[in-house]
C-alpha atoms as a PDB file:
ATOM      1  CA  MET A   1     -89.229 -54.031 -84.108  1.00  0.00           C
ATOM      2  CA  SER A   2     -87.402 -51.267 -85.721  1.00  0.00           C
ATOM      3  CA  LEU A   3     -84.167 -49.597 -86.693  1.00  0.00           C
ATOM      4  CA  ILE A   4     -82.358 -47.268 -84.458  1.00  0.00           C
ATOM      5  CA  PHE A   5     -79.445 -45.253 -85.664  1.00  0.00           C
ATOM      6  CA  ARG A   6     -77.181 -43.693 -83.533  1.00  0.00           C
ATOM      7  CA  SER A   7     -74.389 -41.703 -84.944  1.00  0.00           C
ATOM      8  CA  ILE A   8     -71.254 -40.284 -83.167  1.00  0.00           C
ATOM      9  CA  PRO A   9     -71.629 -36.986 -81.034  1.00  0.00           C
ATOM     10  CA  ASN A  10     -70.227 -34.200 -83.150  1.00  0.00           C
ATOM     11  CA  PRO A  11     -70.618 -30.443 -82.542  1.00  0.00           C
ATOM     12  CA  ASN A  12     -70.350 -29.662 -86.236  1.00  0.00           C
ATOM     13  CA  LEU A  13     -73.570 -31.447 -86.714  1.00  0.00           C
ATOM     14  CA  SER A  14     -75.845 -29.483 -84.588  1.00  0.00           C
ATOM     15  CA  ASN A  15     -78.817 -29.499 -87.155  1.00  0.00           C
ATOM     16  CA  PHE A  16     -78.372 -33.287 -87.873  1.00  0.00           C
ATOM     17  CA  ALA A  17     -81.880 -34.403 -86.381  1.00  0.00           C
ATOM     18  CA  THR A  18     -83.502 -31.236 -87.630  1.00  0.00           C
ATOM     19  CA  LYS A  19     -82.589 -31.562 -91.362  1.00  0.00           C
ATOM     20  CA  LEU A  20     -83.009 -35.366 -91.443  1.00  0.00           C
ATOM     21  CA  ARG A  21     -81.007 -35.223 -94.927  1.00  0.00           C
ATOM     22  CA  PHE A  22     -77.585 -37.184 -94.293  1.00  0.00           C
ATOM     23  CA  PRO A  23     -75.603 -39.936 -95.935  1.00  0.00           C
ATOM     24  CA  LEU A  24     -75.309 -43.139 -94.338  1.00  0.00           C
ATOM     25  CA  SER A  25     -71.788 -43.947 -93.290  1.00  0.00           C
ATOM     26  CA  ALA A  26     -69.568 -46.125 -91.143  1.00  0.00           C
ATOM     27  CA  THR A  27     -70.487 -43.463 -87.875  1.00  0.00           C
ATOM     28  CA  ILE A  28     -73.970 -45.067 -87.944  1.00  0.00           C
ATOM     29  CA  LEU A  29     -74.608 -48.064 -85.648  1.00  0.00           C
ATOM     30  CA  CYS A  30     -78.027 -49.880 -86.099  1.00  0.00           C
ATOM     31  CA  ARG A  31     -79.839 -52.201 -83.980  1.00  0.00           C
ATOM     32  CA  ARG A  32     -83.625 -53.048 -83.581  1.00  0.00           C
ATOM     33  CA  MET A  33     -86.176 -51.672 -80.910  1.00  0.00           C
ATOM     34  CA  ALA A  34     -89.299 -53.662 -80.427  1.00  0.00           C
ATOM     35  CA  GLY A  35     -92.871 -52.786 -80.560  1.00  0.00           C
ATOM     36  CA  SER A  36     -92.338 -49.417 -82.890  1.00  0.00           C
ATOM     37  CA  ASN A  37     -94.107 -50.409 -86.123  1.00  0.00           C
ATOM     38  CA  GLY A  38     -90.901 -49.810 -88.073  1.00  0.00           C
ATOM     39  CA  ALA A  39     -90.088 -46.575 -86.613  1.00  0.00           C
ATOM     40  CA  SER A  40     -86.312 -45.494 -86.600  1.00  0.00           C
ATOM     41  CA  THR A  41     -84.662 -43.177 -84.264  1.00  0.00           C
ATOM     42  CA  LEU A  42     -81.894 -41.055 -85.388  1.00  0.00           C
ATOM     43  CA  SER A  43     -79.908 -39.396 -82.407  1.00  0.00           C
ATOM     44  CA  ASN A  44     -76.813 -36.837 -82.472  1.00  0.00           C
ATOM     45  CA  GLY A  45     -76.061 -36.362 -78.827  1.00  0.00           C
ATOM     46  CA  ASP A  46     -79.186 -35.501 -76.811  1.00  0.00           C
ATOM     47  CA  ASN A  47     -81.268 -34.358 -80.092  1.00  0.00           C
ATOM     48  CA  GLY A  48     -83.269 -37.277 -81.036  1.00  0.00           C
ATOM     49  CA  SER A  49     -85.426 -38.001 -83.835  1.00  0.00           C
ATOM     50  CA  VAL A  50     -87.915 -40.758 -84.624  1.00  0.00           C
ATOM     51  CA  ARG A  51     -89.680 -41.562 -87.699  1.00  0.00           C
ATOM     52  CA  PHE A  52     -92.888 -43.544 -88.162  1.00  0.00           C
ATOM     53  CA  PRO A  53     -94.292 -44.428 -91.653  1.00  0.00           C
ATOM     54  CA  LEU A  54     -97.912 -43.537 -92.130  1.00  0.00           C
ATOM     55  CA  SER A  55     -98.041 -44.680 -96.002  1.00  0.00           C
ATOM     56  CA  PRO A  56     -95.284 -45.533 -98.387  1.00  0.00           C
ATOM     57  CA  SER A  57     -94.773 -42.363 -99.366  1.00  0.00           C
ATOM     58  CA  SER A  58     -95.562 -40.293 -96.073  1.00  0.00           C
ATOM     59  CA  SER A  59     -93.791 -40.143 -92.447  1.00  0.00           C
ATOM     60  CA  LEU A  60     -94.549 -38.822 -89.228  1.00  0.00           C
ATOM     61  CA  VAL A  61     -91.264 -37.545 -87.383  1.00  0.00           C
ATOM     62  CA  ILE A  62     -90.859 -36.611 -83.728  1.00  0.00           C
ATOM     63  CA  GLN A  63     -87.721 -34.801 -82.695  1.00  0.00           C
ATOM     64  CA  LYS A  64     -86.160 -32.527 -80.198  1.00  0.00           C
ATOM     65  CA  GLY A  65     -85.292 -29.033 -81.152  1.00  0.00           C
ATOM     66  CA  ASP A  66     -86.234 -25.263 -81.786  1.00  0.00           C
ATOM     67  CA  ILE A  67     -88.994 -24.854 -84.341  1.00  0.00           C
ATOM     68  CA  THR A  68     -87.713 -21.565 -85.335  1.00  0.00           C
ATOM     69  CA  GLU A  69     -84.682 -23.216 -87.035  1.00  0.00           C
ATOM     70  CA  TRP A  70     -86.576 -26.168 -88.746  1.00  0.00           C
ATOM     71  CA  SER A  71     -86.788 -26.321 -92.457  1.00  0.00           C
ATOM     72  CA  VAL A  72     -86.610 -28.934 -95.136  1.00  0.00           C
ATOM     73  CA  ASP A  73     -86.148 -27.238 -98.461  1.00  0.00           C
ATOM     74  CA  GLY A  74     -87.415 -23.715 -97.912  1.00  0.00           C
ATOM     75  CA  SER A  75     -90.009 -24.052-100.403  1.00  0.00           C
ATOM     76  CA  THR A  76     -92.743 -26.354 -99.767  1.00  0.00           C
ATOM     77  CA  ASP A  77     -92.211 -26.207 -95.982  1.00  0.00           C
ATOM     78  CA  ALA A  78     -94.277 -24.741 -93.205  1.00  0.00           C
ATOM     79  CA  ILE A  79     -93.991 -24.568 -89.258  1.00  0.00           C
ATOM     80  CA  VAL A  80     -97.037 -23.980 -87.433  1.00  0.00           C
ATOM     81  CA  ASN A  81     -97.205 -21.166 -84.933  1.00  0.00           C
ATOM     82  CA  PRO A  82     -99.319 -21.871 -81.718  1.00  0.00           C
ATOM     83  CA  ALA A  83    -100.793 -18.426 -82.129  1.00  0.00           C
ATOM     84  CA  ASN A  84    -103.532 -16.498 -79.888  1.00  0.00           C
ATOM     85  CA  GLU A  85    -106.833 -15.346 -81.646  1.00  0.00           C
ATOM     86  CA  ARG A  86    -105.125 -11.562 -82.349  1.00  0.00           C
ATOM     87  CA  MET A  87    -102.095 -13.387 -84.349  1.00  0.00           C
ATOM     88  CA  LEU A  88    -100.209 -10.188 -83.218  1.00  0.00           C
ATOM     89  CA  GLY A  89     -97.504 -12.395 -81.289  1.00  0.00           C
ATOM     90  CA  GLY A  90     -97.376 -13.660 -77.737  1.00  0.00           C
ATOM     91  CA  GLY A  91     -95.101 -15.764 -75.317  1.00  0.00           C
ATOM     92  CA  GLY A  92     -93.610 -19.018 -75.724  1.00  0.00           C
ATOM     93  CA  ALA A  93     -93.410 -20.457 -79.227  1.00  0.00           C
ATOM     94  CA  ASP A  94     -95.709 -17.833 -80.816  1.00  0.00           C
ATOM     95  CA  GLY A  95     -93.263 -15.083 -79.563  1.00  0.00           C
ATOM     96  CA  ALA A  96     -90.171 -16.949 -80.677  1.00  0.00           C
ATOM     97  CA  ILE A  97     -91.535 -17.457 -84.070  1.00  0.00           C
ATOM     98  CA  HIS A  98     -92.558 -13.713 -84.509  1.00  0.00           C
ATOM     99  CA  ALA A  99     -89.076 -12.659 -83.157  1.00  0.00           C
ATOM    100  CA  ALA A 100     -87.099 -14.942 -85.955  1.00  0.00           C
ATOM    101  CA  ALA A 101     -89.215 -14.136 -88.757  1.00  0.00           C
ATOM    102  CA  GLY A 102     -88.941 -10.598 -88.107  1.00  0.00           C
ATOM    103  CA  ARG A 103     -91.526  -7.495 -88.476  1.00  0.00           C
ATOM    104  CA  GLU A 104     -92.756  -8.557 -91.895  1.00  0.00           C
ATOM    105  CA  LEU A 105     -95.007 -11.236 -90.137  1.00  0.00           C
ATOM    106  CA  VAL A 106     -96.659  -9.440 -87.804  1.00  0.00           C
ATOM    107  CA  GLN A 107     -97.554  -6.746 -90.626  1.00  0.00           C
ATOM    108  CA  ALA A 108     -98.888  -9.991 -92.584  1.00  0.00           C
ATOM    109  CA  CYS A 109    -100.927 -10.895 -89.587  1.00  0.00           C
ATOM    110  CA  TYR A 110    -102.358  -7.386 -89.624  1.00  0.00           C
ATOM    111  CA  ALA A 111    -103.497  -7.949 -93.028  1.00  0.00           C
ATOM    112  CA  VAL A 112    -105.516 -10.973 -92.307  1.00  0.00           C
ATOM    113  CA  PRO A 113    -108.981  -9.977 -92.053  1.00  0.00           C
ATOM    114  CA  GLU A 114    -110.636  -9.875 -88.497  1.00  0.00           C
ATOM    115  CA  VAL A 115    -113.706 -12.235 -88.236  1.00  0.00           C
ATOM    116  CA  ARG A 116    -114.881 -10.046 -85.133  1.00  0.00           C
ATOM    117  CA  PRO A 117    -113.101  -7.074 -83.264  1.00  0.00           C
ATOM    118  CA  GLY A 118    -109.881  -8.642 -82.019  1.00  0.00           C
ATOM    119  CA  VAL A 119    -109.814 -11.759 -83.609  1.00  0.00           C
ATOM    120  CA  ARG A 120    -108.294 -12.694 -86.761  1.00  0.00           C
ATOM    121  CA  CYS A 121    -108.278 -16.757 -86.252  1.00  0.00           C
ATOM    122  CA  PRO A 122    -110.698 -18.153 -83.905  1.00  0.00           C
ATOM    123  CA  THR A 123    -109.895 -21.348 -81.634  1.00  0.00           C
ATOM    124  CA  GLY A 124    -109.862 -24.681 -83.922  1.00  0.00           C
ATOM    125  CA  GLU A 125    -108.968 -22.572 -87.063  1.00  0.00           C
ATOM    126  CA  ALA A 126    -105.887 -21.870 -89.045  1.00  0.00           C
ATOM    127  CA  ARG A 127    -104.497 -19.218 -91.225  1.00  0.00           C
ATOM    128  CA  ILE A 128    -101.411 -19.169 -93.546  1.00  0.00           C
ATOM    129  CA  THR A 129     -98.672 -16.452 -94.258  1.00  0.00           C
ATOM    130  CA  PRO A 130     -95.170 -16.527 -95.574  1.00  0.00           C
ATOM    131  CA  GLY A 131     -92.080 -17.275 -93.113  1.00  0.00           C
ATOM    132  CA  PHE A 132     -90.187 -14.400 -94.257  1.00  0.00           C
ATOM    133  CA  ARG A 133     -86.821 -14.601 -92.392  1.00  0.00           C
ATOM    134  CA  LEU A 134     -87.634 -17.890 -91.035  1.00  0.00           C
ATOM    135  CA  PRO A 135     -85.818 -21.055 -92.708  1.00  0.00           C
ATOM    136  CA  ALA A 136     -89.302 -22.620 -93.520  1.00  0.00           C
ATOM    137  CA  SER A 137     -91.273 -21.055 -96.174  1.00  0.00           C
ATOM    138  CA  HIS A 138     -94.643 -20.580 -94.487  1.00  0.00           C
ATOM    139  CA  VAL A 139     -96.165 -20.262 -91.162  1.00  0.00           C
ATOM    140  CA  VAL A 140     -99.401 -21.884 -90.453  1.00  0.00           C
ATOM    141  CA  HIS A 141    -101.097 -20.001 -87.443  1.00  0.00           C
ATOM    142  CA  THR A 142    -103.540 -21.927 -85.592  1.00  0.00           C
ATOM    143  CA  VAL A 143    -105.115 -21.365 -81.913  1.00  0.00           C
ATOM    144  CA  GLY A 144    -105.492 -24.318 -79.773  1.00  0.00           C
ATOM    145  CA  PRO A 145    -107.757 -24.187 -76.852  1.00  0.00           C
ATOM    146  CA  ILE A 146    -107.398 -23.189 -73.552  1.00  0.00           C
ATOM    147  CA  TYR A 147    -107.910 -26.569 -71.870  1.00  0.00           C
ATOM    148  CA  TYR A 148    -109.846 -25.646 -68.464  1.00  0.00           C
ATOM    149  CA  SER A 149    -112.204 -23.086 -69.899  1.00  0.00           C
ATOM    150  CA  ASN A 150    -113.094 -24.810 -73.041  1.00  0.00           C
ATOM    151  CA  SER A 151    -116.189 -26.849 -73.175  1.00  0.00           C
ATOM    152  CA  ASN A 152    -114.741 -29.452 -75.659  1.00  0.00           C
ATOM    153  CA  PRO A 153    -111.054 -29.196 -75.691  1.00  0.00           C
ATOM    154  CA  ALA A 154    -110.360 -32.154 -77.558  1.00  0.00           C
ATOM    155  CA  ALA A 155    -112.873 -31.237 -80.577  1.00  0.00           C
ATOM    156  CA  SER A 156    -111.064 -27.734 -80.404  1.00  0.00           C
ATOM    157  CA  LEU A 157    -107.431 -29.195 -80.476  1.00  0.00           C
ATOM    158  CA  ALA A 158    -108.504 -31.699 -83.211  1.00  0.00           C
ATOM    159  CA  SER A 159    -109.783 -28.717 -85.079  1.00  0.00           C
ATOM    160  CA  ALA A 160    -106.771 -26.832 -84.853  1.00  0.00           C
ATOM    161  CA  TYR A 161    -104.747 -29.693 -86.270  1.00  0.00           C
ATOM    162  CA  ARG A 162    -107.002 -30.732 -89.100  1.00  0.00           C
ATOM    163  CA  ASN A 163    -107.437 -26.772 -90.180  1.00  0.00           C
ATOM    164  CA  SER A 164    -103.643 -26.612 -90.097  1.00  0.00           C
ATOM    165  CA  LEU A 165    -103.177 -29.493 -92.440  1.00  0.00           C
ATOM    166  CA  ARG A 166    -106.004 -28.185 -94.613  1.00  0.00           C
ATOM    167  CA  VAL A 167    -104.417 -24.567 -95.233  1.00  0.00           C
ATOM    168  CA  ALA A 168    -101.066 -26.077 -95.729  1.00  0.00           C
ATOM    169  CA  LYS A 169    -102.605 -28.644 -98.379  1.00  0.00           C
ATOM    170  CA  GLU A 170    -104.103 -25.785-100.097  1.00  0.00           C
ATOM    171  CA  LYS A 171    -100.896 -23.853-100.280  1.00  0.00           C
ATOM    172  CA  ASN A 172     -99.233 -27.209-101.950  1.00  0.00           C
ATOM    173  CA  ILE A 173     -96.872 -27.792 -98.753  1.00  0.00           C
ATOM    174  CA  GLN A 174     -95.057 -31.093 -98.488  1.00  0.00           C
ATOM    175  CA  TYR A 175     -93.504 -30.843 -95.138  1.00  0.00           C
ATOM    176  CA  ILE A 176     -94.969 -29.287 -91.996  1.00  0.00           C
ATOM    177  CA  ALA A 177     -93.642 -29.198 -88.373  1.00  0.00           C
ATOM    178  CA  PHE A 178     -96.019 -28.627 -85.412  1.00  0.00           C
ATOM    179  CA  PRO A 179     -95.091 -27.627 -81.836  1.00  0.00           C
ATOM    180  CA  ALA A 180     -97.392 -29.267 -79.094  1.00  0.00           C
ATOM    181  CA  ILE A 181    -100.255 -27.080 -79.448  1.00  0.00           C
ATOM    182  CA  SER A 182    -102.018 -25.993 -76.293  1.00  0.00           C
ATOM    183  CA  CYS A 183     -99.253 -27.628 -73.757  1.00  0.00           C
ATOM    184  CA  GLY A 184     -97.736 -24.297 -72.657  1.00  0.00           C
ATOM    185  CA  VAL A 185     -99.899 -21.893 -70.773  1.00  0.00           C
ATOM    186  CA  TYR A 186    -103.073 -23.318 -72.316  1.00  0.00           C
ATOM    187  CA  GLY A 187    -102.708 -26.245 -69.861  1.00  0.00           C
ATOM    188  CA  TYR A 188    -103.484 -29.144 -71.963  1.00  0.00           C
ATOM    189  CA  PRO A 189    -102.293 -32.359 -70.405  1.00  0.00           C
ATOM    190  CA  TYR A 190     -99.389 -34.022 -72.647  1.00  0.00           C
ATOM    191  CA  ASP A 191    -100.879 -37.333 -72.628  1.00  0.00           C
ATOM    192  CA  GLU A 192    -104.196 -36.406 -73.856  1.00  0.00           C
ATOM    193  CA  ALA A 193    -102.484 -33.741 -76.406  1.00  0.00           C
ATOM    194  CA  ALA A 194    -100.464 -36.230 -77.853  1.00  0.00           C
ATOM    195  CA  THR A 195    -103.521 -38.583 -78.483  1.00  0.00           C
ATOM    196  CA  VAL A 196    -105.127 -35.790 -80.219  1.00  0.00           C
ATOM    197  CA  ALA A 197    -102.363 -34.754 -82.040  1.00  0.00           C
ATOM    198  CA  ILE A 198    -100.886 -38.271 -83.597  1.00  0.00           C
ATOM    199  CA  SER A 199    -104.632 -39.489 -84.174  1.00  0.00           C
ATOM    200  CA  VAL A 200    -105.413 -36.663 -86.609  1.00  0.00           C
ATOM    201  CA  ILE A 201    -101.843 -37.202 -88.280  1.00  0.00           C
ATOM    202  CA  LYS A 202    -102.628 -40.760 -88.538  1.00  0.00           C
ATOM    203  CA  GLU A 203    -105.817 -39.800 -90.207  1.00  0.00           C
ATOM    204  CA  LEU A 204    -104.908 -37.018 -92.583  1.00  0.00           C
ATOM    205  CA  GLY A 205    -100.741 -37.058 -92.683  1.00  0.00           C
ATOM    206  CA  ASN A 206    -101.040 -39.171 -96.143  1.00  0.00           C
ATOM    207  CA  ASP A 207    -101.479 -35.692 -97.587  1.00  0.00           C
ATOM    208  CA  PHE A 208     -97.713 -34.705 -96.815  1.00  0.00           C
ATOM    209  CA  LYS A 209     -94.228 -36.168 -97.328  1.00  0.00           C
ATOM    210  CA  GLU A 210     -93.535 -35.650 -94.054  1.00  0.00           C
ATOM    211  CA  VAL A 211     -95.072 -34.170 -90.888  1.00  0.00           C
ATOM    212  CA  HIS A 212     -92.699 -33.281 -88.107  1.00  0.00           C
ATOM    213  CA  PHE A 213     -93.382 -32.598 -84.450  1.00  0.00           C
ATOM    214  CA  VAL A 214     -90.738 -30.539 -83.058  1.00  0.00           C
ATOM    215  CA  LEU A 215     -90.777 -30.301 -79.384  1.00  0.00           C
ATOM    216  CA  PHE A 216     -88.632 -28.222 -77.062  1.00  0.00           C
ATOM    217  CA  SER A 217     -89.018 -29.826 -73.917  1.00  0.00           C
ATOM    218  CA  SER A 218     -87.654 -33.606 -73.145  1.00  0.00           C
ATOM    219  CA  ASP A 219     -90.917 -34.242 -71.369  1.00  0.00           C
ATOM    220  CA  ILE A 220     -93.189 -33.721 -74.270  1.00  0.00           C
ATOM    221  CA  TYR A 221     -90.933 -35.360 -76.621  1.00  0.00           C
ATOM    222  CA  ASP A 222     -91.101 -38.800 -74.579  1.00  0.00           C
ATOM    223  CA  VAL A 223     -94.957 -38.489 -74.329  1.00  0.00           C
ATOM    224  CA  TRP A 224     -95.189 -37.997 -77.770  1.00  0.00           C
ATOM    225  CA  VAL A 225     -92.762 -40.710 -78.955  1.00  0.00           C
ATOM    226  CA  ASN A 226     -94.575 -43.085 -76.554  1.00  0.00           C
ATOM    227  CA  LYS A 227     -97.982 -42.354 -77.673  1.00  0.00           C
ATOM    228  CA  ALA A 228     -96.802 -42.861 -81.226  1.00  0.00           C
ATOM    229  CA  ASN A 229     -95.775 -46.168 -80.526  1.00  0.00           C
ATOM    230  CA  ASP A 230     -99.119 -46.776 -79.337  1.00  0.00           C
ATOM    231  CA  LEU A 231    -101.193 -45.490 -81.837  1.00  0.00           C
ATOM    232  CA  LEU A 232     -99.168 -46.337 -85.127  1.00  0.00           C
ATOM    233  CA  LYS A 233     -98.738 -49.872 -84.529  1.00  0.00           C
ATOM    234  CA  ASP A 234     -99.964 -52.188 -87.145  1.00  0.00           C
END
């Protein structure tokens, strides 16, 4: 069984679930939720967050929200950008992250050496840059697989998550936030993608204080929470 904390909705608390830093007060009601390995749910209106312990010092947090607004301390945190191989911006979350970070981000991406013409970050690999105007201090750029044209999409997706964690660890990042890599126009089925993503975090997430999934879609959020409940049981 696990704790569910539910706050009284308040329009002044729009960043409640994003920050996950708040004092306990009398406005918080507690009850138990069965079968979730000690996961605690924090919610403010429609913006819910679920915390799963990975170890005594590390947690997985799944929440709804805008990843461009996510930050913990602005110095040891990073968001993951689901980039394309050129690393020069695109649609969806990639375009939103570039827009929020400002022109400095695309300039930093231009400075990343090409490994072959037009390719700075091959599928499954990761690169890291400063976050510039983003609240988070760094951006990890990774390229997920296009589901129906990749010969082994699960392996490529796992590599994208692993390499993102690797480059973040090399920069002493303590808090990292992922979107649902490849679940947009790249067509990766949500359930399969969640299995890969959470399995990698279960394996490697202990190197961080907190690993977050910040998910814009309610459908993806629901799949991620259900899969975490399945994969992170004792």
